[in-house]
Amino acid sequence: MTENNSDGFTTTLPVWVLCRPLQPGGPDWRELDHGPGAIRLPPGEEARLRINKLDDDLLEQLVREIKGCPAITGLNLAENRNVTNEGLTHLVHLPQLTYLNLSSCSVTNTGMRQLLPLRHLQYLDLSYCNRLTDEGIIVLKAMRSLVYLDLQGCVKVSNASLSKMRRDGLTIHHRTVV
């Protein structure tokens, strides 16, 4: 496989690939493969990627490598503290994302605007993104497809702004750690 397509992608990065069938109620996520290398995805399945030791430049590279593969619906970028607002600008090339974990990344209020083009995003984990405040979180109100928002450990996010975010169909997890 020399170029990315709906059946897979080629990566130079050490990614873990999880997949599951698209049909509801099917089996849970299972480990499929890992990179670097050519990754072939089973037909009729969606994939999530997990990667460590990422920074903004490597996130840009990852997005370039996977943007031609619509079966990739999730990215777990948790604990990549060198991923910042600049790195988030590249996610616009992955409009199919339904799952994004940015837990413990170095994103701020400004970066939240970069997520607005992700119109299919249902699950967003921003836990322990300690630079986020009410100003950044309220931007996410425009993301009507969100069904779960994790803000645990976001100590600068107030209950007042969370009450403005609340709507039917959205679960917000927010418990500050003292």
N, C-alpha and C. Protein backbone atom coordinates (compact mmCIF):
# COMPACT_ATOMS: atom_id res chain seq x y z
N MET A 1 0.86 -1.17 0.00
CA MET A 1 0.00 0.00 0.00
C MET A 1 0.90 1.22 0.00
N THR A 2 0.81 2.03 -1.00
CA THR A 2 1.72 3.16 -1.12
C THR A 2 1.07 4.48 -0.75
N GLU A 3 -0.22 4.57 -0.77
CA GLU A 3 -0.85 5.82 -0.37
C GLU A 3 -2.07 5.52 0.48
N ASN A 4 -2.50 6.55 1.21
CA ASN A 4 -3.64 6.38 2.11
C ASN A 4 -4.93 6.25 1.34
N ASN A 5 -5.84 5.43 1.86
CA ASN A 5 -7.17 5.30 1.29
C ASN A 5 -8.09 4.81 2.39
N SER A 6 -9.33 4.51 2.04
CA SER A 6 -10.29 4.11 3.06
C SER A 6 -9.94 2.77 3.70
N ASP A 7 -9.07 1.99 3.06
CA ASP A 7 -8.70 0.68 3.60
C ASP A 7 -7.51 0.75 4.55
N GLY A 8 -6.83 1.87 4.62
CA GLY A 8 -5.67 1.94 5.49
C GLY A 8 -4.82 3.16 5.23
N PHE A 9 -3.63 3.14 5.83
CA PHE A 9 -2.71 4.26 5.73
C PHE A 9 -1.30 3.75 6.02
N THR A 10 -0.33 4.58 5.69
CA THR A 10 1.06 4.29 5.98
C THR A 10 1.57 5.38 6.91
N THR A 11 2.26 4.98 7.97
CA THR A 11 2.76 5.95 8.94
C THR A 11 4.22 5.68 9.27
N THR A 12 4.91 6.75 9.59
CA THR A 12 6.29 6.66 10.05
C THR A 12 6.36 6.77 11.57
N LEU A 13 5.18 6.89 12.20
CA LEU A 13 5.11 7.14 13.64
C LEU A 13 4.68 5.89 14.42
N PRO A 14 5.06 5.83 15.70
CA PRO A 14 4.72 4.67 16.54
C PRO A 14 3.30 4.77 17.10
N VAL A 15 2.31 4.51 16.27
CA VAL A 15 0.91 4.59 16.67
C VAL A 15 0.39 3.20 17.04
N TRP A 16 -0.56 3.17 17.96
CA TRP A 16 -1.33 1.96 18.24
C TRP A 16 -2.66 2.14 17.54
N VAL A 17 -3.13 1.10 16.89
CA VAL A 17 -4.38 1.16 16.15
C VAL A 17 -5.38 0.21 16.79
N LEU A 18 -6.52 0.75 17.19
CA LEU A 18 -7.63 -0.03 17.71
C LEU A 18 -8.74 0.03 16.68
N CYS A 19 -9.55 -1.02 16.59
CA CYS A 19 -10.68 -0.98 15.66
C CYS A 19 -11.85 -1.76 16.23
N ARG A 20 -13.01 -1.52 15.62
CA ARG A 20 -14.24 -2.23 15.97
C ARG A 20 -15.20 -2.12 14.80
N PRO A 21 -16.13 -3.07 14.71
CA PRO A 21 -17.13 -2.99 13.65
C PRO A 21 -18.00 -1.74 13.81
N LEU A 22 -18.48 -1.22 12.69
CA LEU A 22 -19.31 -0.02 12.71
C LEU A 22 -20.70 -0.25 13.29
N GLN A 23 -21.24 -1.48 13.17
CA GLN A 23 -22.61 -1.70 13.60
C GLN A 23 -22.74 -1.51 15.12
N PRO A 24 -23.84 -0.89 15.55
CA PRO A 24 -24.06 -0.66 16.98
C PRO A 24 -24.23 -1.98 17.72
N GLY A 25 -23.75 -1.99 18.96
CA GLY A 25 -23.89 -3.18 19.78
C GLY A 25 -22.91 -4.28 19.44
N GLY A 26 -21.98 -3.99 18.55
CA GLY A 26 -20.98 -4.99 18.17
C GLY A 26 -19.90 -5.11 19.23
N PRO A 27 -18.86 -5.86 18.92
CA PRO A 27 -17.76 -6.04 19.86
C PRO A 27 -17.08 -4.71 20.21
N ASP A 28 -16.42 -4.70 21.36
CA ASP A 28 -15.72 -3.51 21.82
C ASP A 28 -14.42 -3.33 21.04
N TRP A 29 -13.72 -2.25 21.32
CA TRP A 29 -12.46 -1.95 20.66
C TRP A 29 -11.44 -3.05 20.92
N ARG A 30 -10.67 -3.37 19.89
CA ARG A 30 -9.59 -4.36 20.02
C ARG A 30 -8.35 -3.82 19.33
N GLU A 31 -7.18 -4.23 19.83
CA GLU A 31 -5.94 -3.80 19.20
C GLU A 31 -5.80 -4.51 17.86
N LEU A 32 -5.52 -3.73 16.84
CA LEU A 32 -5.39 -4.26 15.49
C LEU A 32 -3.92 -4.35 15.07
N ASP A 33 -3.20 -3.25 15.25
CA ASP A 33 -1.84 -3.18 14.72
C ASP A 33 -1.14 -2.01 15.37
N HIS A 34 0.10 -1.80 15.01
CA HIS A 34 0.84 -0.63 15.45
C HIS A 34 1.84 -0.23 14.37
N GLY A 35 2.19 1.05 14.42
CA GLY A 35 3.14 1.57 13.46
C GLY A 35 4.49 1.73 14.10
N PRO A 36 5.47 2.10 13.35
CA PRO A 36 5.38 2.57 11.97
C PRO A 36 5.15 1.44 10.97
N GLY A 37 4.68 1.85 9.80
CA GLY A 37 4.47 0.89 8.73
C GLY A 37 3.14 1.09 8.04
N ALA A 38 2.81 0.14 7.18
CA ALA A 38 1.54 0.16 6.47
C ALA A 38 0.50 -0.53 7.34
N ILE A 39 -0.61 0.13 7.53
CA ILE A 39 -1.69 -0.39 8.37
C ILE A 39 -2.92 -0.60 7.47
N ARG A 40 -3.40 -1.81 7.43
CA ARG A 40 -4.61 -2.12 6.66
C ARG A 40 -5.76 -2.27 7.64
N LEU A 41 -6.84 -1.55 7.39
CA LEU A 41 -8.02 -1.60 8.25
C LEU A 41 -9.05 -2.55 7.65
N PRO A 42 -9.69 -3.36 8.50
CA PRO A 42 -10.72 -4.27 7.99
C PRO A 42 -11.91 -3.49 7.43
N PRO A 43 -12.49 -3.93 6.33
CA PRO A 43 -13.68 -3.26 5.78
C PRO A 43 -14.82 -3.27 6.80
N GLY A 44 -15.59 -2.20 6.82
CA GLY A 44 -16.74 -2.11 7.71
C GLY A 44 -16.39 -1.86 9.16
N GLU A 45 -15.16 -1.37 9.42
CA GLU A 45 -14.74 -1.09 10.78
C GLU A 45 -14.24 0.34 10.88
N GLU A 46 -14.30 0.88 12.09
CA GLU A 46 -13.73 2.19 12.37
C GLU A 46 -12.49 2.00 13.23
N ALA A 47 -11.61 3.01 13.21
CA ALA A 47 -10.35 2.89 13.94
C ALA A 47 -10.10 4.12 14.80
N ARG A 48 -9.38 3.88 15.90
CA ARG A 48 -8.86 4.94 16.76
C ARG A 48 -7.36 4.75 16.87
N LEU A 49 -6.66 5.87 16.93
CA LEU A 49 -5.21 5.83 17.06
C LEU A 49 -4.79 6.39 18.40
N ARG A 50 -3.76 5.79 18.98
CA ARG A 50 -3.14 6.29 20.22
C ARG A 50 -1.67 6.49 19.93
N ILE A 51 -1.14 7.64 20.35
CA ILE A 51 0.28 7.92 20.13
C ILE A 51 0.83 8.71 21.31
N ASN A 52 2.06 8.40 21.68
CA ASN A 52 2.77 9.08 22.77
C ASN A 52 3.92 9.90 22.21
N LYS A 53 4.47 10.76 23.06
CA LYS A 53 5.66 11.55 22.71
C LYS A 53 5.45 12.37 21.45
N LEU A 54 4.31 13.03 21.41
CA LEU A 54 3.91 13.82 20.25
C LEU A 54 4.10 15.29 20.56
N ASP A 55 4.47 16.08 19.55
CA ASP A 55 4.48 17.53 19.65
C ASP A 55 3.69 18.07 18.44
N ASP A 56 3.64 19.37 18.29
CA ASP A 56 2.84 19.97 17.22
C ASP A 56 3.31 19.53 15.83
N ASP A 57 4.61 19.46 15.62
CA ASP A 57 5.13 19.07 14.31
C ASP A 57 4.79 17.61 13.99
N LEU A 58 4.91 16.74 14.99
CA LEU A 58 4.58 15.34 14.76
C LEU A 58 3.07 15.14 14.60
N LEU A 59 2.27 15.98 15.28
CA LEU A 59 0.83 15.91 15.07
C LEU A 59 0.49 16.31 13.64
N GLU A 60 1.15 17.33 13.12
CA GLU A 60 0.93 17.72 11.72
C GLU A 60 1.30 16.57 10.79
N GLN A 61 2.41 15.91 11.07
CA GLN A 61 2.83 14.77 10.26
C GLN A 61 1.81 13.64 10.33
N LEU A 62 1.32 13.34 11.53
CA LEU A 62 0.32 12.28 11.69
C LEU A 62 -0.93 12.60 10.89
N VAL A 63 -1.40 13.82 10.98
CA VAL A 63 -2.60 14.22 10.24
C VAL A 63 -2.38 14.06 8.74
N ARG A 64 -1.21 14.45 8.25
CA ARG A 64 -0.90 14.27 6.82
C ARG A 64 -0.97 12.79 6.43
N GLU A 65 -0.48 11.92 7.32
CA GLU A 65 -0.43 10.50 7.02
C GLU A 65 -1.80 9.82 7.04
N ILE A 66 -2.73 10.34 7.84
CA ILE A 66 -4.02 9.64 8.01
C ILE A 66 -5.21 10.36 7.39
N LYS A 67 -5.02 11.58 6.89
CA LYS A 67 -6.19 12.36 6.45
C LYS A 67 -6.94 11.73 5.29
N GLY A 68 -6.33 10.84 4.55
CA GLY A 68 -7.02 10.17 3.46
C GLY A 68 -7.75 8.90 3.87
N CYS A 69 -7.86 8.67 5.16
CA CYS A 69 -8.46 7.44 5.67
C CYS A 69 -9.67 7.76 6.55
N PRO A 70 -10.87 7.85 5.96
CA PRO A 70 -12.05 8.25 6.73
C PRO A 70 -12.47 7.24 7.80
N ALA A 71 -11.93 6.04 7.78
CA ALA A 71 -12.27 5.05 8.80
C ALA A 71 -11.67 5.39 10.15
N ILE A 72 -10.70 6.31 10.18
CA ILE A 72 -10.12 6.74 11.46
C ILE A 72 -11.04 7.79 12.06
N THR A 73 -11.75 7.39 13.10
CA THR A 73 -12.74 8.27 13.72
C THR A 73 -12.32 8.77 15.09
N GLY A 74 -11.16 8.33 15.57
CA GLY A 74 -10.74 8.77 16.89
C GLY A 74 -9.25 8.91 17.04
N LEU A 75 -8.85 9.93 17.84
CA LEU A 75 -7.45 10.13 18.20
C LEU A 75 -7.34 10.25 19.71
N ASN A 76 -6.43 9.49 20.28
CA ASN A 76 -6.13 9.60 21.70
C ASN A 76 -4.74 10.22 21.81
N LEU A 77 -4.71 11.49 22.13
CA LEU A 77 -3.46 12.25 22.24
C LEU A 77 -3.14 12.57 23.69
N ALA A 78 -3.76 11.87 24.63
CA ALA A 78 -3.61 12.15 26.05
C ALA A 78 -2.15 12.16 26.48
N GLU A 79 -1.86 13.11 27.37
CA GLU A 79 -0.56 13.26 28.02
C GLU A 79 0.57 13.64 27.07
N ASN A 80 0.23 14.16 25.92
CA ASN A 80 1.22 14.72 25.01
C ASN A 80 1.33 16.21 25.32
N ARG A 81 2.12 16.52 26.33
CA ARG A 81 2.19 17.89 26.84
C ARG A 81 2.81 18.89 25.86
N ASN A 82 3.41 18.40 24.79
CA ASN A 82 3.96 19.30 23.78
C ASN A 82 3.01 19.53 22.62
N VAL A 83 1.78 19.06 22.76
CA VAL A 83 0.73 19.40 21.79
C VAL A 83 0.05 20.66 22.31
N THR A 84 0.06 21.71 21.48
CA THR A 84 -0.48 23.01 21.86
C THR A 84 -1.58 23.43 20.88
N ASN A 85 -2.03 24.66 21.03
CA ASN A 85 -3.03 25.22 20.13
C ASN A 85 -2.58 25.13 18.68
N GLU A 86 -1.30 25.34 18.43
CA GLU A 86 -0.78 25.28 17.06
C GLU A 86 -1.02 23.90 16.45
N GLY A 87 -0.81 22.87 17.22
CA GLY A 87 -1.04 21.51 16.73
C GLY A 87 -2.50 21.26 16.41
N LEU A 88 -3.39 21.85 17.19
CA LEU A 88 -4.82 21.64 16.97
C LEU A 88 -5.28 22.18 15.62
N THR A 89 -4.56 23.14 15.06
CA THR A 89 -4.97 23.71 13.77
C THR A 89 -4.99 22.65 12.67
N HIS A 90 -4.23 21.60 12.82
CA HIS A 90 -4.15 20.57 11.78
C HIS A 90 -5.34 19.61 11.81
N LEU A 91 -6.05 19.58 12.91
CA LEU A 91 -7.18 18.64 13.03
C LEU A 91 -8.32 18.95 12.08
N VAL A 92 -8.35 20.14 11.51
CA VAL A 92 -9.38 20.51 10.55
C VAL A 92 -9.40 19.53 9.37
N HIS A 93 -8.27 18.86 9.12
CA HIS A 93 -8.17 17.92 8.00
C HIS A 93 -8.75 16.54 8.35
N LEU A 94 -9.29 16.42 9.57
CA LEU A 94 -9.89 15.15 10.01
C LEU A 94 -11.35 15.38 10.43
N PRO A 95 -12.19 15.86 9.51
CA PRO A 95 -13.56 16.21 9.89
C PRO A 95 -14.39 15.01 10.33
N GLN A 96 -13.94 13.79 10.06
CA GLN A 96 -14.70 12.60 10.41
C GLN A 96 -14.54 12.21 11.88
N LEU A 97 -13.67 12.89 12.63
CA LEU A 97 -13.43 12.49 14.02
C LEU A 97 -14.71 12.57 14.85
N THR A 98 -14.97 11.51 15.60
CA THR A 98 -16.07 11.48 16.56
C THR A 98 -15.54 11.42 17.99
N TYR A 99 -14.25 11.12 18.14
CA TYR A 99 -13.61 10.94 19.45
C TYR A 99 -12.26 11.65 19.45
N LEU A 100 -12.03 12.47 20.48
CA LEU A 100 -10.75 13.17 20.61
C LEU A 100 -10.40 13.29 22.08
N ASN A 101 -9.25 12.74 22.44
CA ASN A 101 -8.76 12.82 23.81
C ASN A 101 -7.53 13.72 23.83
N LEU A 102 -7.68 14.89 24.45
CA LEU A 102 -6.59 15.86 24.60
C LEU A 102 -6.19 16.01 26.06
N SER A 103 -6.53 15.04 26.88
CA SER A 103 -6.24 15.11 28.31
C SER A 103 -4.77 15.41 28.56
N SER A 104 -4.51 16.38 29.42
CA SER A 104 -3.16 16.78 29.83
C SER A 104 -2.30 17.32 28.70
N CYS A 105 -2.92 17.79 27.63
CA CYS A 105 -2.17 18.49 26.59
C CYS A 105 -2.07 19.96 26.97
N SER A 106 -1.19 20.71 26.32
CA SER A 106 -0.94 22.11 26.66
C SER A 106 -1.78 23.05 25.80
N VAL A 107 -3.09 22.82 25.81
CA VAL A 107 -3.99 23.66 25.03
C VAL A 107 -4.60 24.74 25.92
N THR A 108 -4.99 25.84 25.29
CA THR A 108 -5.58 26.96 26.03
C THR A 108 -6.93 27.32 25.41
N ASN A 109 -7.51 28.38 25.91
CA ASN A 109 -8.80 28.86 25.40
C ASN A 109 -8.77 29.08 23.89
N THR A 110 -7.69 29.64 23.38
CA THR A 110 -7.56 29.92 21.95
C THR A 110 -7.70 28.66 21.12
N GLY A 111 -7.17 27.57 21.61
CA GLY A 111 -7.22 26.31 20.87
C GLY A 111 -8.61 25.73 20.72
N MET A 112 -9.52 26.09 21.59
CA MET A 112 -10.88 25.53 21.51
C MET A 112 -11.57 25.91 20.21
N ARG A 113 -11.27 27.07 19.69
CA ARG A 113 -11.84 27.49 18.39
C ARG A 113 -11.38 26.58 17.26
N GLN A 114 -10.20 25.99 17.39
CA GLN A 114 -9.68 25.09 16.36
C GLN A 114 -10.49 23.80 16.27
N LEU A 115 -11.25 23.49 17.32
CA LEU A 115 -12.04 22.26 17.34
C LEU A 115 -13.41 22.42 16.70
N LEU A 116 -13.86 23.65 16.50
CA LEU A 116 -15.21 23.89 15.97
C LEU A 116 -15.48 23.25 14.61
N PRO A 117 -14.51 23.14 13.70
CA PRO A 117 -14.79 22.48 12.42
C PRO A 117 -15.04 20.97 12.54
N LEU A 118 -14.77 20.38 13.69
CA LEU A 118 -14.97 18.95 13.89
C LEU A 118 -16.44 18.71 14.21
N ARG A 119 -17.28 18.82 13.21
CA ARG A 119 -18.73 18.82 13.39
C ARG A 119 -19.32 17.48 13.80
N HIS A 120 -18.56 16.39 13.66
CA HIS A 120 -19.06 15.07 14.04
C HIS A 120 -18.56 14.64 15.42
N LEU A 121 -17.76 15.49 16.06
CA LEU A 121 -17.16 15.13 17.34
C LEU A 121 -18.24 14.90 18.39
N GLN A 122 -18.22 13.72 18.99
CA GLN A 122 -19.19 13.36 20.02
C GLN A 122 -18.56 13.27 21.40
N TYR A 123 -17.31 12.85 21.46
CA TYR A 123 -16.62 12.63 22.72
C TYR A 123 -15.36 13.48 22.73
N LEU A 124 -15.26 14.38 23.72
CA LEU A 124 -14.09 15.25 23.84
C LEU A 124 -13.59 15.21 25.27
N ASP A 125 -12.35 14.79 25.44
CA ASP A 125 -11.72 14.72 26.76
C ASP A 125 -10.68 15.83 26.86
N LEU A 126 -10.95 16.79 27.72
CA LEU A 126 -10.05 17.90 27.99
C LEU A 126 -9.57 17.86 29.45
N SER A 127 -9.70 16.72 30.10
CA SER A 127 -9.36 16.62 31.51
C SER A 127 -7.89 17.01 31.73
N TYR A 128 -7.69 17.72 32.82
CA TYR A 128 -6.36 18.17 33.25
C TYR A 128 -5.67 19.09 32.25
N CYS A 129 -6.44 19.74 31.41
CA CYS A 129 -5.91 20.82 30.58
C CYS A 129 -6.04 22.08 31.43
N ASN A 130 -5.07 22.30 32.29
CA ASN A 130 -5.16 23.28 33.37
C ASN A 130 -5.16 24.73 32.92
N ARG A 131 -4.90 24.98 31.67
CA ARG A 131 -4.89 26.36 31.18
C ARG A 131 -6.26 26.81 30.68
N LEU A 132 -7.19 25.88 30.59
CA LEU A 132 -8.53 26.22 30.11
C LEU A 132 -9.32 26.96 31.18
N THR A 133 -10.08 27.95 30.73
CA THR A 133 -10.95 28.71 31.62
C THR A 133 -12.36 28.73 31.02
N ASP A 134 -13.25 29.43 31.70
CA ASP A 134 -14.62 29.56 31.23
C ASP A 134 -14.68 30.08 29.80
N GLU A 135 -13.81 31.03 29.48
CA GLU A 135 -13.80 31.65 28.15
C GLU A 135 -13.61 30.60 27.04
N GLY A 136 -12.75 29.66 27.25
CA GLY A 136 -12.50 28.63 26.24
C GLY A 136 -13.59 27.59 26.18
N ILE A 137 -14.10 27.22 27.34
CA ILE A 137 -15.10 26.16 27.40
C ILE A 137 -16.41 26.61 26.75
N ILE A 138 -16.80 27.85 26.96
CA ILE A 138 -18.08 28.32 26.43
C ILE A 138 -18.09 28.28 24.90
N VAL A 139 -16.93 28.36 24.26
CA VAL A 139 -16.83 28.24 22.81
C VAL A 139 -17.38 26.89 22.34
N LEU A 140 -17.18 25.87 23.16
CA LEU A 140 -17.59 24.52 22.79
C LEU A 140 -19.10 24.34 22.75
N LYS A 141 -19.84 25.31 23.26
CA LYS A 141 -21.30 25.23 23.23
C LYS A 141 -21.81 25.09 21.79
N ALA A 142 -21.07 25.62 20.84
CA ALA A 142 -21.46 25.54 19.43
C ALA A 142 -21.32 24.13 18.85
N MET A 143 -20.66 23.25 19.56
CA MET A 143 -20.45 21.88 19.07
C MET A 143 -21.67 21.03 19.45
N ARG A 144 -22.68 21.08 18.65
CA ARG A 144 -23.96 20.44 18.96
C ARG A 144 -23.93 18.92 18.89
N SER A 145 -22.92 18.34 18.27
CA SER A 145 -22.85 16.88 18.20
C SER A 145 -22.21 16.26 19.44
N LEU A 146 -21.61 17.08 20.30
CA LEU A 146 -20.99 16.54 21.52
C LEU A 146 -22.03 15.87 22.41
N VAL A 147 -21.71 14.66 22.86
CA VAL A 147 -22.56 13.96 23.83
C VAL A 147 -21.82 13.75 25.15
N TYR A 148 -20.48 13.88 25.13
CA TYR A 148 -19.69 13.72 26.36
C TYR A 148 -18.52 14.68 26.33
N LEU A 149 -18.37 15.43 27.41
CA LEU A 149 -17.28 16.39 27.56
C LEU A 149 -16.65 16.16 28.93
N ASP A 150 -15.37 15.80 28.95
CA ASP A 150 -14.67 15.55 30.20
C ASP A 150 -13.80 16.75 30.54
N LEU A 151 -14.10 17.38 31.67
CA LEU A 151 -13.36 18.54 32.14
C LEU A 151 -12.80 18.31 33.54
N GLN A 152 -12.66 17.06 33.92
CA GLN A 152 -12.13 16.75 35.25
C GLN A 152 -10.75 17.38 35.41
N GLY A 153 -10.53 18.00 36.55
CA GLY A 153 -9.24 18.61 36.83
C GLY A 153 -9.00 19.94 36.16
N CYS A 154 -9.97 20.46 35.44
CA CYS A 154 -9.86 21.80 34.84
C CYS A 154 -10.29 22.81 35.90
N VAL A 155 -9.36 23.18 36.75
CA VAL A 155 -9.68 23.94 37.97
C VAL A 155 -10.11 25.37 37.69
N LYS A 156 -9.85 25.90 36.52
CA LYS A 156 -10.23 27.28 36.19
C LYS A 156 -11.59 27.36 35.49
N VAL A 157 -12.28 26.22 35.38
CA VAL A 157 -13.61 26.20 34.77
C VAL A 157 -14.63 26.22 35.90
N SER A 158 -15.51 27.21 35.87
CA SER A 158 -16.49 27.39 36.95
C SER A 158 -17.78 26.64 36.69
N ASN A 159 -18.51 26.40 37.76
CA ASN A 159 -19.83 25.79 37.65
C ASN A 159 -20.78 26.69 36.87
N ALA A 160 -20.57 28.01 36.95
CA ALA A 160 -21.43 28.94 36.22
C ALA A 160 -21.31 28.73 34.71
N SER A 161 -20.09 28.56 34.22
CA SER A 161 -19.95 28.35 32.77
C SER A 161 -20.47 26.96 32.38
N LEU A 162 -20.32 25.99 33.26
CA LEU A 162 -20.85 24.66 32.97
C LEU A 162 -22.37 24.68 32.86
N SER A 163 -23.01 25.49 33.69
CA SER A 163 -24.47 25.58 33.62
C SER A 163 -24.92 26.19 32.29
N LYS A 164 -24.10 27.06 31.71
CA LYS A 164 -24.41 27.62 30.39
C LYS A 164 -24.22 26.59 29.29
N MET A 165 -23.36 25.62 29.53
CA MET A 165 -23.08 24.57 28.54
C MET A 165 -24.14 23.47 28.54
N ARG A 166 -24.79 23.27 29.65
CA ARG A 166 -25.69 22.13 29.80
C ARG A 166 -26.84 22.17 28.79
N ARG A 167 -27.11 20.99 28.26
CA ARG A 167 -28.25 20.81 27.36
C ARG A 167 -28.59 19.32 27.35
N ASP A 168 -29.79 19.00 26.90
CA ASP A 168 -30.19 17.60 26.79
C ASP A 168 -29.23 16.88 25.85
N GLY A 169 -28.84 15.69 26.23
CA GLY A 169 -27.98 14.87 25.39
C GLY A 169 -26.50 15.08 25.59
N LEU A 170 -26.10 16.00 26.48
CA LEU A 170 -24.69 16.25 26.74
C LEU A 170 -24.37 15.93 28.20
N THR A 171 -23.43 15.02 28.39
CA THR A 171 -22.93 14.70 29.72
C THR A 171 -21.61 15.41 29.91
N ILE A 172 -21.51 16.17 31.00
CA ILE A 172 -20.27 16.88 31.31
C ILE A 172 -19.71 16.30 32.60
N HIS A 173 -18.48 15.82 32.52
CA HIS A 173 -17.79 15.31 33.71
C HIS A 173 -16.84 16.38 34.18
N HIS A 174 -17.11 16.92 35.37
CA HIS A 174 -16.27 17.99 35.90
C HIS A 174 -16.20 17.85 37.41
N ARG A 175 -15.07 17.46 37.84
CA ARG A 175 -14.82 17.39 39.26
C ARG A 175 -13.41 17.92 39.45
N THR A 176 -13.28 19.01 40.14
CA THR A 176 -11.93 19.56 40.34
C THR A 176 -11.21 18.74 41.40
N VAL A 177 -9.93 18.65 41.24
CA VAL A 177 -9.11 17.91 42.18
C VAL A 177 -8.44 18.91 43.10
N VAL A 178 -8.54 18.68 44.41
CA VAL A 178 -7.92 19.57 45.38
C VAL A 178 -6.74 18.92 46.06
